[in-house]
Amino acid sequence: MVTLTTHGVKITVQSNYEDLHSRPTNRYFIFSYRITIENNTSNPVQLLRRHWYIFDSMSGWSEVEGEGVVSRKPLLYPSEEYQYESFCPLVSEAGKIYGTYLMENKLDGTTFFVNIPLFKLIVPCKNN
């Protein structure tokens, strides 16, 4: 598990290898991750966009950008948290992800970026 706080918004990530959904002989490895977003500011904030940088040890870097997360744009009041789960397929047994969320302060309309900490995607037998 990794955690990072930016501008009072805390991001915690837990990743897992999904053995039952992976097909190693076909170079198809599925990793799930659970993200918790915690608003430790004194203002309500809303997640507007995400931007991921994904590294697969066989295919290199790729980027994913879009609105919200899992079809939602969560609004978090002070001391609230939002949690969601998603997944990432890789063609190799190892990779990593990091990125940013674009957030909006709902009191004054300003936007700011919150960093998503780098987290590793590694098949357990390779994590020695």
N, C-alpha and C. Protein backbone atom coordinates (compact mmCIF):
# COMPACT_ATOMS: atom_id res chain seq x y z
N MET A 1 0.84 -1.17 0.00
CA MET A 1 0.00 0.00 0.00
C MET A 1 0.89 1.24 0.00
N VAL A 2 0.50 2.23 -0.81
CA VAL A 2 1.24 3.50 -0.86
C VAL A 2 0.27 4.65 -0.63
N THR A 3 0.80 5.72 -0.04
CA THR A 3 -0.02 6.89 0.29
C THR A 3 0.74 8.15 -0.04
N LEU A 4 0.00 9.17 -0.50
CA LEU A 4 0.59 10.47 -0.80
C LEU A 4 -0.47 11.54 -0.59
N THR A 5 -0.08 12.65 0.04
CA THR A 5 -0.99 13.77 0.25
C THR A 5 -0.50 14.98 -0.54
N THR A 6 -1.41 15.58 -1.32
CA THR A 6 -1.12 16.79 -2.09
C THR A 6 -2.23 17.79 -1.82
N HIS A 7 -1.88 19.00 -1.42
CA HIS A 7 -2.87 20.06 -1.16
C HIS A 7 -3.98 19.60 -0.23
N GLY A 8 -3.63 18.76 0.74
CA GLY A 8 -4.61 18.31 1.72
C GLY A 8 -5.49 17.16 1.29
N VAL A 9 -5.28 16.63 0.09
CA VAL A 9 -6.06 15.47 -0.38
C VAL A 9 -5.13 14.26 -0.35
N LYS A 10 -5.53 13.26 0.43
CA LYS A 10 -4.71 12.06 0.63
C LYS A 10 -5.19 10.94 -0.30
N ILE A 11 -4.23 10.37 -1.03
CA ILE A 11 -4.52 9.25 -1.94
C ILE A 11 -3.79 8.02 -1.42
N THR A 12 -4.55 6.93 -1.24
CA THR A 12 -3.97 5.66 -0.81
C THR A 12 -4.32 4.62 -1.87
N VAL A 13 -3.32 3.83 -2.27
CA VAL A 13 -3.51 2.82 -3.32
C VAL A 13 -3.05 1.45 -2.81
N GLN A 14 -3.89 0.46 -3.04
CA GLN A 14 -3.56 -0.94 -2.78
C GLN A 14 -3.74 -1.70 -4.09
N SER A 15 -2.69 -2.35 -4.58
CA SER A 15 -2.80 -3.11 -5.83
C SER A 15 -2.68 -4.60 -5.56
N ASN A 16 -3.28 -5.39 -6.46
CA ASN A 16 -3.28 -6.85 -6.34
C ASN A 16 -3.18 -7.49 -7.72
N TYR A 17 -2.51 -8.62 -7.77
CA TYR A 17 -2.48 -9.43 -8.98
C TYR A 17 -3.71 -10.31 -8.99
N GLU A 18 -4.43 -10.35 -10.11
CA GLU A 18 -5.66 -11.13 -10.24
C GLU A 18 -5.38 -12.42 -11.02
N ASP A 19 -4.93 -13.41 -10.29
CA ASP A 19 -4.54 -14.70 -10.87
C ASP A 19 -5.68 -15.35 -11.66
N LEU A 20 -6.89 -15.31 -11.12
CA LEU A 20 -8.02 -15.99 -11.77
C LEU A 20 -8.42 -15.36 -13.11
N HIS A 21 -8.11 -14.09 -13.28
CA HIS A 21 -8.49 -13.40 -14.52
C HIS A 21 -7.33 -13.26 -15.50
N SER A 22 -6.15 -13.66 -15.09
CA SER A 22 -4.95 -13.54 -15.92
C SER A 22 -4.74 -14.80 -16.76
N ARG A 23 -4.06 -14.64 -17.87
CA ARG A 23 -3.71 -15.75 -18.75
C ARG A 23 -2.22 -15.62 -19.12
N PRO A 24 -1.34 -16.04 -18.20
CA PRO A 24 0.10 -15.86 -18.42
C PRO A 24 0.62 -16.46 -19.72
N THR A 25 0.08 -17.61 -20.15
CA THR A 25 0.56 -18.21 -21.40
C THR A 25 0.22 -17.36 -22.61
N ASN A 26 -0.77 -16.47 -22.47
CA ASN A 26 -1.15 -15.55 -23.54
C ASN A 26 -0.60 -14.14 -23.31
N ARG A 27 0.30 -14.00 -22.34
CA ARG A 27 0.89 -12.69 -21.99
C ARG A 27 -0.21 -11.69 -21.61
N TYR A 28 -1.12 -12.11 -20.76
CA TYR A 28 -2.24 -11.28 -20.32
C TYR A 28 -2.29 -11.36 -18.79
N PHE A 29 -1.88 -10.26 -18.15
CA PHE A 29 -1.79 -10.21 -16.70
C PHE A 29 -2.71 -9.09 -16.20
N ILE A 30 -3.63 -9.43 -15.32
CA ILE A 30 -4.59 -8.46 -14.80
C ILE A 30 -4.21 -8.08 -13.37
N PHE A 31 -4.19 -6.78 -13.13
CA PHE A 31 -3.93 -6.24 -11.80
C PHE A 31 -5.10 -5.33 -11.42
N SER A 32 -5.60 -5.52 -10.21
CA SER A 32 -6.65 -4.63 -9.71
C SER A 32 -6.00 -3.64 -8.74
N TYR A 33 -6.69 -2.55 -8.53
CA TYR A 33 -6.22 -1.59 -7.53
C TYR A 33 -7.42 -0.91 -6.89
N ARG A 34 -7.26 -0.63 -5.60
CA ARG A 34 -8.29 0.08 -4.84
C ARG A 34 -7.69 1.42 -4.40
N ILE A 35 -8.40 2.47 -4.72
CA ILE A 35 -7.93 3.82 -4.39
C ILE A 35 -8.89 4.45 -3.39
N THR A 36 -8.32 5.04 -2.36
CA THR A 36 -9.07 5.80 -1.38
C THR A 36 -8.63 7.26 -1.50
N ILE A 37 -9.59 8.15 -1.69
CA ILE A 37 -9.34 9.59 -1.78
C ILE A 37 -9.94 10.21 -0.53
N GLU A 38 -9.12 10.90 0.24
CA GLU A 38 -9.55 11.46 1.52
C GLU A 38 -9.39 12.98 1.48
N ASN A 39 -10.46 13.70 1.74
CA ASN A 39 -10.42 15.16 1.74
C ASN A 39 -10.07 15.66 3.14
N ASN A 40 -8.82 16.05 3.33
CA ASN A 40 -8.37 16.59 4.60
C ASN A 40 -8.25 18.11 4.56
N THR A 41 -8.97 18.74 3.62
CA THR A 41 -8.99 20.20 3.54
C THR A 41 -10.23 20.70 4.28
N SER A 42 -10.37 22.02 4.35
CA SER A 42 -11.55 22.60 5.01
C SER A 42 -12.64 22.97 4.02
N ASN A 43 -12.46 22.59 2.75
CA ASN A 43 -13.43 22.92 1.69
C ASN A 43 -13.91 21.66 0.98
N PRO A 44 -15.12 21.68 0.44
CA PRO A 44 -15.54 20.56 -0.41
C PRO A 44 -14.74 20.59 -1.72
N VAL A 45 -14.35 19.40 -2.17
CA VAL A 45 -13.60 19.29 -3.43
C VAL A 45 -14.24 18.22 -4.29
N GLN A 46 -14.13 18.40 -5.61
CA GLN A 46 -14.68 17.43 -6.53
C GLN A 46 -13.61 16.97 -7.50
N LEU A 47 -13.55 15.66 -7.73
CA LEU A 47 -12.63 15.10 -8.70
C LEU A 47 -13.24 15.28 -10.09
N LEU A 48 -12.51 15.95 -10.98
CA LEU A 48 -13.01 16.21 -12.32
C LEU A 48 -12.43 15.28 -13.39
N ARG A 49 -11.09 15.07 -13.31
CA ARG A 49 -10.40 14.30 -14.36
C ARG A 49 -9.30 13.45 -13.74
N ARG A 50 -8.87 12.45 -14.51
CA ARG A 50 -7.73 11.62 -14.12
C ARG A 50 -6.73 11.59 -15.28
N HIS A 51 -5.47 11.41 -14.94
CA HIS A 51 -4.41 11.26 -15.94
C HIS A 51 -3.42 10.23 -15.39
N TRP A 52 -3.37 9.08 -16.05
CA TRP A 52 -2.50 7.99 -15.63
C TRP A 52 -1.30 7.84 -16.55
N TYR A 53 -0.17 7.51 -15.96
CA TYR A 53 1.04 7.11 -16.69
C TYR A 53 1.28 5.65 -16.31
N ILE A 54 1.21 4.77 -17.31
CA ILE A 54 1.28 3.34 -17.07
C ILE A 54 2.52 2.77 -17.76
N PHE A 55 3.33 2.05 -16.99
CA PHE A 55 4.52 1.41 -17.54
C PHE A 55 4.36 -0.10 -17.49
N ASP A 56 4.51 -0.74 -18.65
CA ASP A 56 4.51 -2.20 -18.77
C ASP A 56 5.94 -2.57 -19.16
N SER A 57 6.57 -3.47 -18.41
CA SER A 57 7.98 -3.77 -18.64
C SER A 57 8.27 -4.35 -20.03
N MET A 58 7.24 -4.82 -20.74
CA MET A 58 7.46 -5.30 -22.11
C MET A 58 7.06 -4.28 -23.17
N SER A 59 6.01 -3.52 -22.93
CA SER A 59 5.53 -2.61 -23.98
C SER A 59 5.81 -1.14 -23.73
N GLY A 60 6.42 -0.82 -22.61
CA GLY A 60 6.79 0.57 -22.34
C GLY A 60 5.67 1.40 -21.74
N TRP A 61 5.76 2.70 -21.97
CA TRP A 61 4.85 3.67 -21.36
C TRP A 61 3.60 3.91 -22.19
N SER A 62 2.49 4.15 -21.50
CA SER A 62 1.26 4.60 -22.14
C SER A 62 0.57 5.57 -21.20
N GLU A 63 -0.39 6.32 -21.73
CA GLU A 63 -1.13 7.29 -20.92
C GLU A 63 -2.63 7.07 -21.11
N VAL A 64 -3.36 7.33 -20.04
CA VAL A 64 -4.82 7.28 -20.07
C VAL A 64 -5.31 8.54 -19.39
N GLU A 65 -6.20 9.25 -20.07
CA GLU A 65 -6.76 10.48 -19.50
C GLU A 65 -8.25 10.50 -19.76
N GLY A 66 -9.00 11.05 -18.81
CA GLY A 66 -10.43 11.15 -19.02
C GLY A 66 -11.14 11.79 -17.85
N GLU A 67 -12.45 11.92 -18.02
CA GLU A 67 -13.28 12.52 -16.98
C GLU A 67 -13.49 11.55 -15.83
N GLY A 68 -13.45 12.06 -14.62
CA GLY A 68 -13.80 11.30 -13.43
C GLY A 68 -13.04 10.01 -13.27
N VAL A 69 -13.62 9.15 -12.42
CA VAL A 69 -13.08 7.81 -12.19
C VAL A 69 -14.26 6.84 -12.17
N VAL A 70 -14.12 5.74 -12.86
CA VAL A 70 -15.17 4.73 -13.01
C VAL A 70 -16.54 5.37 -13.21
N SER A 71 -16.61 6.29 -14.17
CA SER A 71 -17.84 6.98 -14.58
C SER A 71 -18.44 7.89 -13.50
N ARG A 72 -17.62 8.32 -12.56
CA ARG A 72 -18.12 9.21 -11.50
C ARG A 72 -17.16 10.39 -11.31
N LYS A 73 -17.73 11.47 -10.80
CA LYS A 73 -16.96 12.64 -10.40
C LYS A 73 -17.29 12.93 -8.94
N PRO A 74 -16.66 12.17 -8.04
CA PRO A 74 -17.06 12.26 -6.64
C PRO A 74 -16.81 13.65 -6.02
N LEU A 75 -17.78 14.08 -5.20
CA LEU A 75 -17.69 15.31 -4.43
C LEU A 75 -17.44 14.91 -2.99
N LEU A 76 -16.36 15.43 -2.43
CA LEU A 76 -15.99 15.07 -1.06
C LEU A 76 -16.00 16.31 -0.18
N TYR A 77 -16.78 16.25 0.87
CA TYR A 77 -16.78 17.32 1.87
C TYR A 77 -15.62 17.10 2.83
N PRO A 78 -15.25 18.11 3.60
CA PRO A 78 -14.14 17.95 4.54
C PRO A 78 -14.30 16.68 5.40
N SER A 79 -13.22 15.96 5.54
CA SER A 79 -13.12 14.71 6.31
C SER A 79 -13.81 13.51 5.64
N GLU A 80 -14.38 13.68 4.46
CA GLU A 80 -14.99 12.55 3.77
C GLU A 80 -13.95 11.83 2.91
N GLU A 81 -14.26 10.58 2.61
CA GLU A 81 -13.41 9.82 1.70
C GLU A 81 -14.26 9.11 0.67
N TYR A 82 -13.63 8.80 -0.45
CA TYR A 82 -14.29 8.09 -1.54
C TYR A 82 -13.35 6.96 -1.93
N GLN A 83 -13.90 5.78 -2.14
CA GLN A 83 -13.09 4.63 -2.51
C GLN A 83 -13.67 3.98 -3.76
N TYR A 84 -12.78 3.57 -4.66
CA TYR A 84 -13.22 2.85 -5.85
C TYR A 84 -12.18 1.82 -6.24
N GLU A 85 -12.61 0.88 -7.06
CA GLU A 85 -11.72 -0.16 -7.57
C GLU A 85 -11.72 -0.15 -9.09
N SER A 86 -10.57 -0.47 -9.65
CA SER A 86 -10.44 -0.59 -11.09
C SER A 86 -9.37 -1.63 -11.38
N PHE A 87 -8.98 -1.75 -12.65
CA PHE A 87 -7.98 -2.75 -13.00
C PHE A 87 -7.14 -2.25 -14.17
N CYS A 88 -6.04 -2.96 -14.39
CA CYS A 88 -5.13 -2.63 -15.48
C CYS A 88 -4.57 -3.93 -16.05
N PRO A 89 -4.76 -4.17 -17.36
CA PRO A 89 -4.14 -5.34 -17.99
C PRO A 89 -2.73 -4.98 -18.47
N LEU A 90 -1.80 -5.91 -18.31
CA LEU A 90 -0.44 -5.76 -18.83
C LEU A 90 -0.10 -6.97 -19.68
N VAL A 91 0.90 -6.82 -20.56
CA VAL A 91 1.39 -7.96 -21.33
C VAL A 91 2.62 -8.58 -20.67
N SER A 92 3.05 -8.00 -19.56
CA SER A 92 4.19 -8.53 -18.83
C SER A 92 3.81 -8.77 -17.38
N GLU A 93 4.73 -9.35 -16.64
CA GLU A 93 4.51 -9.68 -15.23
C GLU A 93 4.78 -8.51 -14.29
N ALA A 94 5.21 -7.39 -14.84
CA ALA A 94 5.56 -6.27 -13.97
C ALA A 94 5.33 -4.93 -14.67
N GLY A 95 4.90 -3.99 -13.86
CA GLY A 95 4.70 -2.63 -14.35
C GLY A 95 4.52 -1.69 -13.18
N LYS A 96 4.17 -0.46 -13.51
CA LYS A 96 3.91 0.54 -12.47
C LYS A 96 3.01 1.62 -13.03
N ILE A 97 2.34 2.31 -12.13
CA ILE A 97 1.40 3.37 -12.50
C ILE A 97 1.56 4.54 -11.54
N TYR A 98 1.41 5.73 -12.08
CA TYR A 98 1.27 6.92 -11.25
C TYR A 98 0.46 7.92 -12.06
N GLY A 99 0.09 9.05 -11.45
CA GLY A 99 -0.68 10.02 -12.21
C GLY A 99 -1.16 11.18 -11.38
N THR A 100 -2.24 11.82 -11.88
CA THR A 100 -2.82 12.97 -11.19
C THR A 100 -4.34 12.95 -11.33
N TYR A 101 -4.97 13.58 -10.36
CA TYR A 101 -6.39 13.91 -10.44
C TYR A 101 -6.51 15.42 -10.52
N LEU A 102 -7.38 15.90 -11.38
CA LEU A 102 -7.71 17.33 -11.40
C LEU A 102 -8.91 17.51 -10.49
N MET A 103 -8.72 18.33 -9.47
CA MET A 103 -9.76 18.56 -8.47
C MET A 103 -10.23 20.01 -8.55
N GLU A 104 -11.47 20.23 -8.11
CA GLU A 104 -12.01 21.58 -8.04
C GLU A 104 -12.42 21.90 -6.60
N ASN A 105 -11.97 23.05 -6.11
CA ASN A 105 -12.42 23.57 -4.83
C ASN A 105 -13.82 24.13 -5.07
N LYS A 106 -14.84 23.54 -4.45
CA LYS A 106 -16.22 23.94 -4.73
C LYS A 106 -16.61 25.28 -4.11
N LEU A 107 -15.80 25.81 -3.20
CA LEU A 107 -16.12 27.12 -2.62
C LEU A 107 -15.75 28.27 -3.54
N ASP A 108 -14.57 28.17 -4.18
CA ASP A 108 -14.14 29.29 -5.02
C ASP A 108 -13.96 28.93 -6.50
N GLY A 109 -14.16 27.66 -6.86
CA GLY A 109 -14.06 27.26 -8.27
C GLY A 109 -12.66 27.05 -8.79
N THR A 110 -11.64 27.21 -7.95
CA THR A 110 -10.27 26.99 -8.41
C THR A 110 -10.02 25.50 -8.60
N THR A 111 -9.13 25.18 -9.52
CA THR A 111 -8.76 23.79 -9.75
C THR A 111 -7.31 23.58 -9.34
N PHE A 112 -6.99 22.34 -9.01
CA PHE A 112 -5.64 21.98 -8.61
C PHE A 112 -5.42 20.50 -8.87
N PHE A 113 -4.15 20.13 -9.00
CA PHE A 113 -3.80 18.74 -9.25
C PHE A 113 -3.41 18.05 -7.95
N VAL A 114 -3.85 16.80 -7.82
CA VAL A 114 -3.47 15.94 -6.71
C VAL A 114 -2.69 14.78 -7.30
N ASN A 115 -1.52 14.51 -6.74
CA ASN A 115 -0.68 13.43 -7.25
C ASN A 115 -1.16 12.07 -6.77
N ILE A 116 -1.17 11.12 -7.68
CA ILE A 116 -1.45 9.72 -7.37
C ILE A 116 -0.09 9.05 -7.21
N PRO A 117 0.20 8.46 -6.05
CA PRO A 117 1.53 7.91 -5.84
C PRO A 117 1.82 6.74 -6.79
N LEU A 118 3.09 6.59 -7.13
CA LEU A 118 3.51 5.48 -7.95
C LEU A 118 3.24 4.18 -7.20
N PHE A 119 2.57 3.25 -7.89
CA PHE A 119 2.37 1.93 -7.30
C PHE A 119 2.78 0.87 -8.30
N LYS A 120 3.30 -0.22 -7.78
CA LYS A 120 3.83 -1.30 -8.62
C LYS A 120 2.79 -2.36 -8.88
N LEU A 121 2.89 -2.96 -10.06
CA LEU A 121 2.07 -4.09 -10.47
C LEU A 121 3.03 -5.23 -10.75
N ILE A 122 3.08 -6.20 -9.84
CA ILE A 122 4.06 -7.28 -9.98
C ILE A 122 3.41 -8.61 -9.61
N VAL A 123 3.56 -9.59 -10.48
CA VAL A 123 3.09 -10.93 -10.19
C VAL A 123 3.85 -11.40 -8.94
N PRO A 124 3.15 -11.93 -7.94
CA PRO A 124 3.80 -12.27 -6.65
C PRO A 124 5.05 -13.13 -6.75
N CYS A 125 5.09 -14.10 -7.64
CA CYS A 125 6.27 -14.97 -7.73
C CYS A 125 7.49 -14.21 -8.26
N LYS A 126 7.32 -13.03 -8.85
CA LYS A 126 8.43 -12.22 -9.36
C LYS A 126 8.87 -11.16 -8.36
N ASN A 127 8.15 -11.03 -7.26
CA ASN A 127 8.41 -9.98 -6.29
C ASN A 127 9.39 -10.47 -5.22
N ASN A 128 10.59 -10.85 -5.63
CA ASN A 128 11.61 -11.35 -4.69
C ASN A 128 12.71 -10.37 -4.49
